[in-house]
């Protein structure tokens, strides 16, 4: 792929992206716990659906239960048998979703295409999150060895929380480019008077 797949980006789009990113990543009071509750429900649903880690479950952390170094208000607690492990959801889950949302909303394309970008991108990022949640729960050492490298590169590396949403947005924009329209090109608007003159015999 080349840069031709990208839509024409103007100053307004850049400004909208910057403002949305600041708004979404700002440390709003209580937002981390709300997201943690949603993350716990998603994680428990995945465990119930796949049967992976049958004795594992997720729950939101309580006040002052987890230190700031381990995620603080953004942490959820993974219960595995009698053991409890804190998991910081801000970097592994929330940041990629927030950055992609800002990118998609700021992209200057038609509404239907923007909806397709949002739907496809969120589906992929949620699948990535499912991979992040389920792989550590695998009890088979052989299964861990097969996907361990992929998990380390795609999930454990902090930079991927920023690179993944950018890559997903880029692919989604490319795949939703209308047929017959040059990627990155904008359709020129024609005044009604010009269209009427052109239609005359």
Protein backbone atom coordinates (compact mmCIF):
# COMPACT_ATOMS: atom_id res chain seq x y z
CA UNK A 1 0.00 0.00 0.00
CA UNK A 2 1.07 3.54 -0.55
CA UNK A 3 0.07 6.91 0.78
CA UNK A 4 -2.41 7.15 -2.10
CA UNK A 5 -4.80 4.97 -0.06
CA UNK A 6 -5.09 7.68 2.57
CA UNK A 7 -7.92 10.23 2.27
CA UNK A 8 -7.07 13.86 1.73
CA UNK A 9 -6.34 15.21 5.21
CA UNK A 10 -6.87 18.90 5.87
CA UNK A 11 -6.15 21.09 8.87
CA UNK A 12 -9.66 20.68 10.21
CA UNK A 13 -9.32 16.89 10.30
CA UNK A 14 -5.99 17.15 12.12
CA UNK A 15 -7.49 19.58 14.63
CA UNK A 16 -10.52 17.35 15.23
CA UNK A 17 -8.25 14.33 15.77
CA UNK A 18 -6.05 16.24 18.23
CA UNK A 19 -9.03 17.53 20.22
CA UNK A 20 -10.72 14.12 20.34
CA UNK A 21 -7.50 12.43 21.42
CA UNK A 22 -7.01 14.92 24.25
CA UNK A 23 -10.64 14.55 25.29
CA UNK A 24 -10.66 10.75 25.22
CA UNK A 25 -7.29 10.25 26.94
CA UNK A 26 -7.80 12.89 29.62
CA UNK A 27 -7.83 11.53 33.20
CA UNK A 28 -11.56 11.93 33.81
CA UNK A 29 -12.58 11.00 37.39
CA UNK A 30 -14.22 7.58 37.60
CA UNK A 31 -13.77 6.79 33.92
CA UNK A 32 -11.19 4.10 34.59
CA UNK A 33 -13.52 2.18 36.91
CA UNK A 34 -16.37 2.38 34.41
CA UNK A 35 -14.15 1.03 31.66
CA UNK A 36 -12.85 -1.64 34.03
CA UNK A 37 -16.39 -2.85 34.62
CA UNK A 38 -16.96 -3.15 30.87
CA UNK A 39 -13.60 -4.88 30.40
CA UNK A 40 -14.43 -7.39 33.17
CA UNK A 41 -17.77 -8.22 31.54
CA UNK A 42 -16.06 -8.68 28.16
CA UNK A 43 -13.32 -10.85 29.64
CA UNK A 44 -15.76 -13.03 31.58
CA UNK A 45 -17.88 -13.42 28.45
CA UNK A 46 -14.85 -14.61 26.50
CA UNK A 47 -13.94 -17.12 29.22
CA UNK A 48 -17.50 -18.47 29.31
CA UNK A 49 -17.72 -18.64 25.52
CA UNK A 50 -14.39 -20.36 24.89
CA UNK A 51 -13.97 -22.31 28.10
CA UNK A 52 -10.38 -21.06 28.31
CA UNK A 53 -9.21 -20.76 31.88
CA UNK A 54 -12.40 -22.21 33.35
CA UNK A 55 -11.44 -21.17 36.87
CA UNK A 56 -10.47 -17.63 35.83
CA UNK A 57 -12.62 -14.54 36.14
CA UNK A 58 -12.26 -10.77 35.98
CA UNK A 59 -13.66 -8.15 38.32
CA UNK A 60 -13.19 -4.38 38.69
CA UNK A 61 -10.74 -3.38 41.39
CA UNK A 62 -12.00 -1.64 44.51
CA UNK A 63 -10.74 1.70 45.79
CA UNK A 64 -7.06 1.61 46.80
CA UNK A 65 -6.87 -2.13 46.06
CA UNK A 66 -4.33 -1.73 43.25
CA UNK A 67 -1.35 0.62 43.31
CA UNK A 68 -0.90 3.32 40.70
CA UNK A 69 2.11 1.43 39.32
CA UNK A 70 -0.17 -1.54 38.51
CA UNK A 71 -2.94 0.53 36.97
CA UNK A 72 -4.74 2.15 39.90
CA UNK A 73 -8.35 2.96 38.97
CA UNK A 74 -7.81 1.49 35.51
CA UNK A 75 -6.88 -1.94 36.85
CA UNK A 76 -9.08 -5.00 36.94
CA UNK A 77 -8.34 -8.06 39.03
CA UNK A 78 -7.85 -11.43 37.35
CA UNK A 79 -8.90 -14.22 39.70
CA UNK A 80 -7.22 -17.52 38.89
CA UNK A 81 -8.11 -20.04 41.56
CA UNK A 82 -7.06 -18.55 44.87
CA UNK A 83 -4.62 -16.11 43.27
CA UNK A 84 -5.37 -12.55 42.22
CA UNK A 85 -3.44 -10.56 39.61
CA UNK A 86 -3.91 -6.85 38.74
CA UNK A 87 -4.23 -5.99 35.05
CA UNK A 88 -3.89 -2.43 33.76
CA UNK A 89 -6.59 -1.96 31.11
CA UNK A 90 -5.67 1.58 30.11
CA UNK A 91 -2.72 0.69 27.87
CA UNK A 92 -3.72 -2.78 26.73
CA UNK A 93 -7.36 -1.97 25.91
CA UNK A 94 -8.60 1.58 26.32
CA UNK A 95 -5.82 3.52 24.59
CA UNK A 96 -6.00 1.62 21.25
CA UNK A 97 -9.80 1.93 21.18
CA UNK A 98 -9.72 5.65 22.03
CA UNK A 99 -7.06 6.50 19.44
CA UNK A 100 -8.88 4.57 16.72
CA UNK A 101 -12.17 6.29 17.60
CA UNK A 102 -10.49 9.69 17.30
CA UNK A 103 -8.93 8.74 13.95
CA UNK A 104 -12.17 7.39 12.51
CA UNK A 105 -14.33 10.32 13.62
CA UNK A 106 -11.80 12.84 12.28
CA UNK A 107 -11.50 11.16 8.87
CA UNK A 108 -13.16 13.39 6.22
CA UNK A 109 -15.30 10.78 4.45
CA UNK A 110 -19.01 10.16 3.92
CA UNK A 111 -21.08 8.97 6.88
CA UNK A 112 -21.73 5.48 5.54
CA UNK A 113 -18.07 4.94 4.85
CA UNK A 114 -17.18 6.30 8.27
CA UNK A 115 -19.64 3.87 9.87
CA UNK A 116 -17.99 1.01 7.97
CA UNK A 117 -14.56 2.14 9.14
CA UNK A 118 -15.77 2.31 12.74
CA UNK A 119 -17.49 -1.08 12.63
CA UNK A 120 -14.64 -2.94 10.98
CA UNK A 121 -11.96 -1.27 13.05
CA UNK A 122 -13.65 -1.89 16.39
CA UNK A 123 -14.31 -5.51 15.43
CA UNK A 124 -10.61 -6.05 14.72
CA UNK A 125 -9.46 -4.26 17.89
CA UNK A 126 -11.90 -6.24 20.03
CA UNK A 127 -10.58 -9.45 18.43
CA UNK A 128 -7.06 -8.28 19.31
CA UNK A 129 -8.25 -7.68 22.87
CA UNK A 130 -9.74 -11.17 23.00
CA UNK A 131 -6.36 -12.54 21.96
CA UNK A 132 -4.73 -10.48 24.72
CA UNK A 133 -7.14 -11.84 27.33
CA UNK A 134 -7.31 -15.51 26.37
CA UNK A 135 -3.70 -16.37 25.55
CA UNK A 136 -2.36 -15.92 29.12
CA UNK A 137 -5.17 -18.18 30.38
CA UNK A 138 -4.10 -21.12 28.24
CA UNK A 139 -3.03 -23.99 30.47
CA UNK A 140 -1.15 -25.82 27.72
CA UNK A 141 2.52 -24.90 27.63
CA UNK A 142 2.62 -26.01 23.99
CA UNK A 143 -0.16 -23.56 23.06
CA UNK A 144 1.66 -20.81 24.89
CA UNK A 145 4.88 -21.46 23.04
CA UNK A 146 3.16 -21.29 19.65
CA UNK A 147 1.52 -17.93 20.21
CA UNK A 148 3.86 -16.49 22.81
CA UNK A 149 5.94 -14.57 20.30
CA UNK A 150 2.87 -13.09 18.62
CA UNK A 151 1.43 -12.09 22.01
CA UNK A 152 4.69 -10.42 23.03
CA UNK A 153 4.95 -8.45 19.77
CA UNK A 154 1.29 -7.50 19.29
CA UNK A 155 0.14 -7.06 22.88
CA UNK A 156 2.92 -6.81 25.45
CA UNK A 157 4.92 -4.16 23.58
CA UNK A 158 3.55 -0.77 24.81
CA UNK A 159 4.20 0.89 21.45
CA UNK A 160 1.65 -1.45 19.83
CA UNK A 161 -1.13 0.26 21.79
CA UNK A 162 -0.46 3.27 19.58
CA UNK A 163 0.64 1.52 16.38
CA UNK A 164 -2.24 -0.97 16.24
CA UNK A 165 -5.08 1.58 15.99
CA UNK A 166 -3.17 3.53 13.35
CA UNK A 167 -2.62 0.38 11.26
CA UNK A 168 -6.25 -0.71 11.67
CA UNK A 169 -7.51 2.74 10.62
CA UNK A 170 -5.23 2.78 7.57
CA UNK A 171 -6.41 -0.66 6.41
CA UNK A 172 -10.08 0.20 7.07
CA UNK A 173 -9.80 3.39 5.03
CA UNK A 174 -8.14 1.50 2.18
CA UNK A 175 -10.73 -1.29 2.15
CA UNK A 176 -13.66 1.15 2.13
CA UNK A 177 -12.35 3.25 -0.77
CA UNK A 178 -15.24 3.47 -3.31
CA UNK A 179 -14.72 1.53 -6.52
CA UNK A 180 -13.83 3.67 -9.50
CA UNK A 181 -12.62 6.50 -7.29
CA UNK A 182 -8.91 7.14 -7.10
CA UNK A 183 -7.72 6.53 -3.54
CA UNK A 184 -7.03 9.76 -1.73
CA UNK A 185 -8.87 11.80 -4.36
CA UNK A 186 -11.90 13.93 -3.62
CA UNK A 187 -14.85 14.29 -5.92
CA UNK A 188 -15.14 17.78 -7.29
CA UNK A 189 -18.43 19.48 -6.63
CA UNK A 190 -20.22 20.77 -9.71
CA UNK A 191 -22.61 23.68 -9.43
CA UNK A 192 -26.25 22.92 -10.38
CA UNK A 193 -26.15 25.55 -13.16
CA UNK A 194 -23.14 23.83 -14.71
CA UNK A 195 -24.90 20.45 -14.58
CA UNK A 196 -28.01 21.90 -16.28
CA UNK A 197 -25.95 23.42 -19.09
CA UNK A 198 -24.10 20.16 -19.60
CA UNK A 199 -27.39 18.26 -19.81
CA UNK A 200 -28.75 20.47 -22.62
CA UNK A 201 -28.62 18.90 -26.15
